[in-house]
Amino acid sequence: MAHTRFAFIKAGWHAEIVDQALAGFLELIPQDRVDVFDVPGAFEMPLLARDLARTGKYAAVAAAALVVDGGIYRHDFVAQAVVSGLMQAGLDSDVPVLSVSLTPHHYQETDHHNRIYRDHFVAKGREAAEAALKITETRKALRS
């Protein structure tokens, strides 16, 4: 599995938090096996995830975003569309697409919340790496 590559997509909104998911991911998967892609926001992730998965270069694709409640209900629709789109990208491409896309209902841009979510994204990135490694191993075993 040393040659196995992974793609990691990061949304630009709240980058100081979202980038921590990549840090967690890289705790388990060496950086030289991960190609990183930036997109403006969460809504752009499913299309790129599908495109990356279809290249055949990646064992799995992970996508990270923080979709916050800005005082209107739009975030619920965006979050649902993103998670559904990522799942569909995986099903359409036959490559696992993992979501590190979180939608807190009570996020406020305070030092306290930013610290909590930065730490949480590190953990979620690590969990995505664990899932990527495990699903890759399981699918390889199914093929043999």
Protein backbone atom coordinates (compact mmCIF):
# COMPACT_ATOMS: atom_id res chain seq x y z
CA MET A 1 0.00 0.00 0.00
CA ALA A 2 3.08 2.25 -0.02
CA HIS A 3 2.16 3.52 -3.50
CA THR A 4 -1.43 4.38 -2.58
CA ARG A 5 -2.30 8.06 -3.04
CA PHE A 6 -5.04 10.10 -1.44
CA ALA A 7 -6.64 13.43 -2.37
CA PHE A 8 -7.64 16.00 0.23
CA ILE A 9 -9.95 18.92 -0.64
CA LYS A 10 -10.18 21.96 1.65
CA ALA A 11 -12.79 24.70 1.50
CA GLY A 12 -11.44 28.23 1.89
CA TRP A 13 -14.12 29.59 4.22
CA HIS A 14 -12.81 29.47 7.81
CA ALA A 15 -9.47 28.14 6.53
CA GLU A 16 -7.81 28.62 9.93
CA ILE A 17 -10.15 25.91 11.21
CA VAL A 18 -10.64 23.74 8.11
CA ASP A 19 -6.89 23.44 7.47
CA GLN A 20 -6.59 21.63 10.80
CA ALA A 21 -8.41 18.65 9.25
CA LEU A 22 -5.51 18.27 6.84
CA ALA A 23 -3.09 18.41 9.77
CA GLY A 24 -4.95 15.54 11.42
CA PHE A 25 -5.10 13.58 8.16
CA LEU A 26 -1.33 13.94 7.72
CA GLU A 27 -0.72 12.52 11.20
CA LEU A 28 -1.58 9.08 9.76
CA ILE A 29 -0.91 9.36 6.04
CA PRO A 30 2.46 10.75 4.93
CA GLN A 31 2.32 14.08 3.13
CA ASP A 32 4.10 12.67 0.07
CA ARG A 33 1.08 10.40 -0.50
CA VAL A 34 -1.51 13.20 -0.28
CA ASP A 35 -2.40 15.69 -3.01
CA VAL A 36 -4.12 18.78 -1.59
CA PHE A 37 -6.69 20.84 -3.47
CA ASP A 38 -8.29 24.12 -2.40
CA VAL A 39 -11.81 25.21 -3.36
CA PRO A 40 -13.62 28.44 -2.49
CA GLY A 41 -16.31 26.87 -0.31
CA ALA A 42 -18.04 23.65 0.64
CA PHE A 43 -20.48 23.76 -2.27
CA GLU A 44 -17.64 23.26 -4.77
CA MET A 45 -16.29 20.12 -3.10
CA PRO A 46 -18.54 17.36 -4.54
CA LEU A 47 -17.77 18.15 -8.19
CA LEU A 48 -14.02 18.27 -7.60
CA ALA A 49 -14.21 15.13 -5.44
CA ARG A 50 -15.94 13.29 -8.28
CA ASP A 51 -13.42 14.58 -10.84
CA LEU A 52 -10.46 13.58 -8.68
CA ALA A 53 -11.93 10.16 -7.94
CA ARG A 54 -12.51 9.51 -11.63
CA THR A 55 -8.84 10.10 -12.46
CA GLY A 56 -8.01 6.68 -11.05
CA LYS A 57 -5.04 8.17 -9.17
CA TYR A 58 -6.55 8.02 -5.69
CA ALA A 59 -7.57 5.24 -3.32
CA ALA A 60 -9.84 7.73 -1.53
CA VAL A 61 -10.75 11.40 -1.53
CA ALA A 62 -11.39 13.39 1.67
CA ALA A 63 -13.12 16.77 1.71
CA ALA A 64 -13.17 19.25 4.59
CA ALA A 65 -15.34 22.31 5.21
CA LEU A 66 -17.01 24.24 7.99
CA VAL A 67 -20.54 25.34 7.05
CA VAL A 68 -21.74 27.77 9.68
CA ASP A 69 -25.09 29.25 10.55
CA GLY A 70 -24.82 32.87 9.52
CA GLY A 71 -28.22 33.70 10.93
CA ILE A 72 -30.16 32.39 7.95
CA TYR A 73 -31.25 28.88 7.18
CA ARG A 74 -29.17 28.58 3.98
CA HIS A 75 -26.41 26.67 5.80
CA ASP A 76 -28.72 23.69 6.33
CA PHE A 77 -29.35 23.41 2.60
CA VAL A 78 -25.67 23.82 1.76
CA ALA A 79 -24.58 21.23 4.33
CA GLN A 80 -27.13 18.69 3.09
CA ALA A 81 -26.21 19.30 -0.55
CA VAL A 82 -22.50 18.95 0.21
CA VAL A 83 -22.77 15.71 2.16
CA SER A 84 -25.19 14.20 -0.37
CA GLY A 85 -22.96 15.34 -3.23
CA LEU A 86 -19.86 13.82 -1.67
CA MET A 87 -21.65 10.52 -1.13
CA GLN A 88 -22.90 10.57 -4.72
CA ALA A 89 -19.39 11.36 -6.00
CA GLY A 90 -18.10 8.23 -4.29
CA LEU A 91 -20.91 6.07 -5.61
CA ASP A 92 -20.57 7.45 -9.15
CA SER A 93 -16.79 7.04 -9.26
CA ASP A 94 -16.45 3.80 -7.27
CA VAL A 95 -13.84 5.53 -5.10
CA PRO A 96 -14.47 6.29 -1.41
CA VAL A 97 -15.19 9.97 -0.80
CA LEU A 98 -14.98 10.92 2.86
CA SER A 99 -16.56 13.96 4.44
CA VAL A 100 -14.96 16.12 7.10
CA SER A 101 -17.70 18.67 6.54
CA LEU A 102 -19.19 19.94 9.77
CA THR A 103 -22.18 22.19 10.35
CA PRO A 104 -22.28 23.49 13.91
CA HIS A 105 -25.50 25.22 14.84
CA HIS A 106 -23.98 27.43 17.51
CA TYR A 107 -20.64 28.54 16.06
CA GLN A 108 -19.52 32.07 16.86
CA GLU A 109 -16.27 33.63 15.71
CA THR A 110 -14.77 33.88 19.18
CA ASP A 111 -11.35 32.70 20.32
CA HIS A 112 -13.06 30.06 22.44
CA HIS A 113 -15.12 28.56 19.57
CA ASN A 114 -12.25 28.83 17.11
CA ARG A 115 -10.00 26.89 19.48
CA ILE A 116 -12.67 24.20 20.02
CA TYR A 117 -13.30 23.75 16.30
CA ARG A 118 -9.61 23.80 15.34
CA ASP A 119 -9.00 20.94 17.79
CA HIS A 120 -12.14 19.16 16.60
CA PHE A 121 -11.05 19.38 12.96
CA VAL A 122 -7.67 17.84 13.80
CA ALA A 123 -9.50 14.87 15.32
CA LYS A 124 -11.92 14.66 12.39
CA GLY A 125 -9.04 14.76 9.91
CA ARG A 126 -7.36 11.92 11.77
CA GLU A 127 -10.64 9.95 11.67
CA ALA A 128 -10.91 10.55 7.91
CA ALA A 129 -7.38 9.18 7.45
CA GLU A 130 -8.27 6.12 9.54
CA ALA A 131 -11.38 5.59 7.41
CA ALA A 132 -9.44 6.07 4.16
CA LEU A 133 -6.83 3.50 5.18
CA LYS A 134 -9.42 1.01 6.44
CA ILE A 135 -11.76 1.23 3.43
CA THR A 136 -8.79 0.94 1.08
CA GLU A 137 -7.58 -2.16 2.90
CA THR A 138 -11.07 -3.70 2.98
CA ARG A 139 -11.74 -3.06 -0.71
CA LYS A 140 -8.34 -4.49 -1.65
CA ALA A 141 -9.14 -7.65 0.33
CA LEU A 142 -12.49 -7.98 -1.46
CA ARG A 143 -10.77 -7.88 -4.85
CA SER A 144 -8.25 -10.59 -3.98
